[in-house]
């Protein structure tokens, strides 16, 4: 499935922030799944800022939330990341 231009734009904007990239790297290092509390501990940001960055990543489809009791877990959307990478690689500059 090819991504729309709007999807590529939204993902690119989400990836355009160092804090969000660090969140994605943390989740990736944890095997593609990270707890909200772990993400907060790894970050130098206040909890509301972490929540904002996570929300942007969810809205872009890069991570998917999962609730485990009272805890929140976030899973990397590897399929979307692969589709995004393919879409970016298909750009040709003349």
C-alpha atoms as a PDB file:
ATOM      1  CA  UNK A   1       0.000   0.000   0.000  1.00  0.00           C
ATOM      2  CA  UNK A   2       1.469   3.328  -1.046  1.00  0.00           C
ATOM      3  CA  UNK A   3       1.293   6.206   1.388  1.00  0.00           C
ATOM      4  CA  UNK A   4      -0.527   9.371   0.411  1.00  0.00           C
ATOM      5  CA  UNK A   5       1.321  12.665   0.214  1.00  0.00           C
ATOM      6  CA  UNK A   6      -0.585  13.794   3.319  1.00  0.00           C
ATOM      7  CA  UNK A   7       0.565  10.713   5.269  1.00  0.00           C
ATOM      8  CA  UNK A   8       4.190  11.261   4.193  1.00  0.00           C
ATOM      9  CA  UNK A   9       3.937  14.902   5.273  1.00  0.00           C
ATOM     10  CA  UNK A  10       2.478  14.017   8.694  1.00  0.00           C
ATOM     11  CA  UNK A  11       5.123  11.346   9.343  1.00  0.00           C
ATOM     12  CA  UNK A  12       7.925  13.652   8.177  1.00  0.00           C
ATOM     13  CA  UNK A  13       6.749  16.404  10.524  1.00  0.00           C
ATOM     14  CA  UNK A  14       6.557  13.938  13.421  1.00  0.00           C
ATOM     15  CA  UNK A  15      10.092  12.751  12.677  1.00  0.00           C
ATOM     16  CA  UNK A  16      11.347  16.333  12.466  1.00  0.00           C
ATOM     17  CA  UNK A  17      11.766  16.668  16.232  1.00  0.00           C
ATOM     18  CA  UNK A  18      14.765  15.357  18.182  1.00  0.00           C
ATOM     19  CA  UNK A  19      12.671  14.421  21.225  1.00  0.00           C
ATOM     20  CA  UNK A  20      10.298  12.314  19.130  1.00  0.00           C
ATOM     21  CA  UNK A  21      13.229  10.622  17.410  1.00  0.00           C
ATOM     22  CA  UNK A  22      14.677   9.753  20.825  1.00  0.00           C
ATOM     23  CA  UNK A  23      11.321   8.305  21.898  1.00  0.00           C
ATOM     24  CA  UNK A  24      11.226   6.139  18.765  1.00  0.00           C
ATOM     25  CA  UNK A  25      14.830   5.046  19.315  1.00  0.00           C
ATOM     26  CA  UNK A  26      14.030   4.098  22.911  1.00  0.00           C
ATOM     27  CA  UNK A  27      11.022   2.024  21.829  1.00  0.00           C
ATOM     28  CA  UNK A  28      13.081   0.392  19.095  1.00  0.00           C
ATOM     29  CA  UNK A  29      15.871  -0.531  21.546  1.00  0.00           C
ATOM     30  CA  UNK A  30      13.256  -2.142  23.791  1.00  0.00           C
ATOM     31  CA  UNK A  31      12.268  -4.549  21.013  1.00  0.00           C
ATOM     32  CA  UNK A  32       9.594  -2.325  19.470  1.00  0.00           C
ATOM     33  CA  UNK A  33       7.579  -1.780  22.630  1.00  0.00           C
ATOM     34  CA  UNK A  34       8.034   0.709  25.456  1.00  0.00           C
ATOM     35  CA  UNK A  35       6.250   1.636  28.658  1.00  0.00           C
ATOM     36  CA  UNK A  36       5.221   5.260  29.178  1.00  0.00           C
ATOM     37  CA  UNK A  37       7.066   5.413  32.517  1.00  0.00           C
ATOM     38  CA  UNK A  38      10.303   4.164  30.873  1.00  0.00           C
ATOM     39  CA  UNK A  39      10.028   6.773  28.141  1.00  0.00           C
ATOM     40  CA  UNK A  40       9.591   9.505  30.758  1.00  0.00           C
ATOM     41  CA  UNK A  41      12.603   8.272  32.751  1.00  0.00           C
ATOM     42  CA  UNK A  42      14.802   8.296  29.624  1.00  0.00           C
ATOM     43  CA  UNK A  43      13.737  11.820  28.734  1.00  0.00           C
ATOM     44  CA  UNK A  44      14.797  15.168  30.135  1.00  0.00           C
ATOM     45  CA  UNK A  45      11.299  16.440  29.445  1.00  0.00           C
ATOM     46  CA  UNK A  46       8.441  17.032  31.863  1.00  0.00           C
ATOM     47  CA  UNK A  47       5.571  14.538  31.744  1.00  0.00           C
ATOM     48  CA  UNK A  48       3.210  16.888  29.807  1.00  0.00           C
ATOM     49  CA  UNK A  49       5.868  17.368  27.106  1.00  0.00           C
ATOM     50  CA  UNK A  50       6.459  13.617  26.833  1.00  0.00           C
ATOM     51  CA  UNK A  51       2.680  13.118  26.501  1.00  0.00           C
ATOM     52  CA  UNK A  52       2.533  15.731  23.740  1.00  0.00           C
ATOM     53  CA  UNK A  53       5.336  14.070  21.753  1.00  0.00           C
ATOM     54  CA  UNK A  54       3.754  10.639  22.176  1.00  0.00           C
ATOM     55  CA  UNK A  55       0.427  12.049  20.954  1.00  0.00           C
ATOM     56  CA  UNK A  56       2.102  13.423  17.801  1.00  0.00           C
ATOM     57  CA  UNK A  57       3.736  10.027  17.140  1.00  0.00           C
ATOM     58  CA  UNK A  58       0.392   8.250  17.609  1.00  0.00           C
ATOM     59  CA  UNK A  59      -1.415  10.687  15.293  1.00  0.00           C
ATOM     60  CA  UNK A  60       1.243  10.110  12.630  1.00  0.00           C
ATOM     61  CA  UNK A  61       0.731   6.357  13.056  1.00  0.00           C
ATOM     62  CA  UNK A  62       4.365   5.724  14.043  1.00  0.00           C
ATOM     63  CA  UNK A  63       3.455   4.156  17.381  1.00  0.00           C
ATOM     64  CA  UNK A  64       0.336   2.396  18.548  1.00  0.00           C
ATOM     65  CA  UNK A  65      -0.938   2.710  22.123  1.00  0.00           C
ATOM     66  CA  UNK A  66      -1.844  -0.303  24.218  1.00  0.00           C
ATOM     67  CA  UNK A  67      -3.239  -0.196  27.729  1.00  0.00           C
ATOM     68  CA  UNK A  68      -2.127  -2.831  30.215  1.00  0.00           C
ATOM     69  CA  UNK A  69      -4.141  -2.262  33.374  1.00  0.00           C
ATOM     70  CA  UNK A  70      -3.117   1.169  34.622  1.00  0.00           C
ATOM     71  CA  UNK A  71       0.017   1.291  32.466  1.00  0.00           C
ATOM     72  CA  UNK A  72       0.351   2.530  28.918  1.00  0.00           C
ATOM     73  CA  UNK A  73       2.585   0.768  26.442  1.00  0.00           C
ATOM     74  CA  UNK A  74       3.530   1.961  22.962  1.00  0.00           C
ATOM     75  CA  UNK A  75       4.384  -0.309  20.066  1.00  0.00           C
ATOM     76  CA  UNK A  76       6.418   0.713  17.063  1.00  0.00           C
ATOM     77  CA  UNK A  77       4.409   0.524  13.838  1.00  0.00           C
ATOM     78  CA  UNK A  78       7.105  -1.228  11.820  1.00  0.00           C
ATOM     79  CA  UNK A  79       4.854  -1.725   8.795  1.00  0.00           C
ATOM     80  CA  UNK A  80       4.233   2.011   8.471  1.00  0.00           C
ATOM     81  CA  UNK A  81       7.929   2.784   8.948  1.00  0.00           C
ATOM     82  CA  UNK A  82       8.788   0.394   6.107  1.00  0.00           C
ATOM     83  CA  UNK A  83       6.135   1.956   3.859  1.00  0.00           C
ATOM     84  CA  UNK A  84       7.439   5.425   4.705  1.00  0.00           C
ATOM     85  CA  UNK A  85      11.019   4.403   3.925  1.00  0.00           C
ATOM     86  CA  UNK A  86       9.942   2.928   0.588  1.00  0.00           C
ATOM     87  CA  UNK A  87       7.984   6.101  -0.259  1.00  0.00           C
ATOM     88  CA  UNK A  88      10.950   8.328   0.555  1.00  0.00           C
ATOM     89  CA  UNK A  89      13.328   6.113  -1.410  1.00  0.00           C
ATOM     90  CA  UNK A  90      11.062   6.364  -4.448  1.00  0.00           C
ATOM     91  CA  UNK A  91      11.576  10.121  -4.659  1.00  0.00           C
ATOM     92  CA  UNK A  92      13.764  10.844  -7.638  1.00  0.00           C
ATOM     93  CA  UNK A  93      15.682  14.021  -8.120  1.00  0.00           C
ATOM     94  CA  UNK A  94      16.720  15.054 -11.618  1.00  0.00           C
END
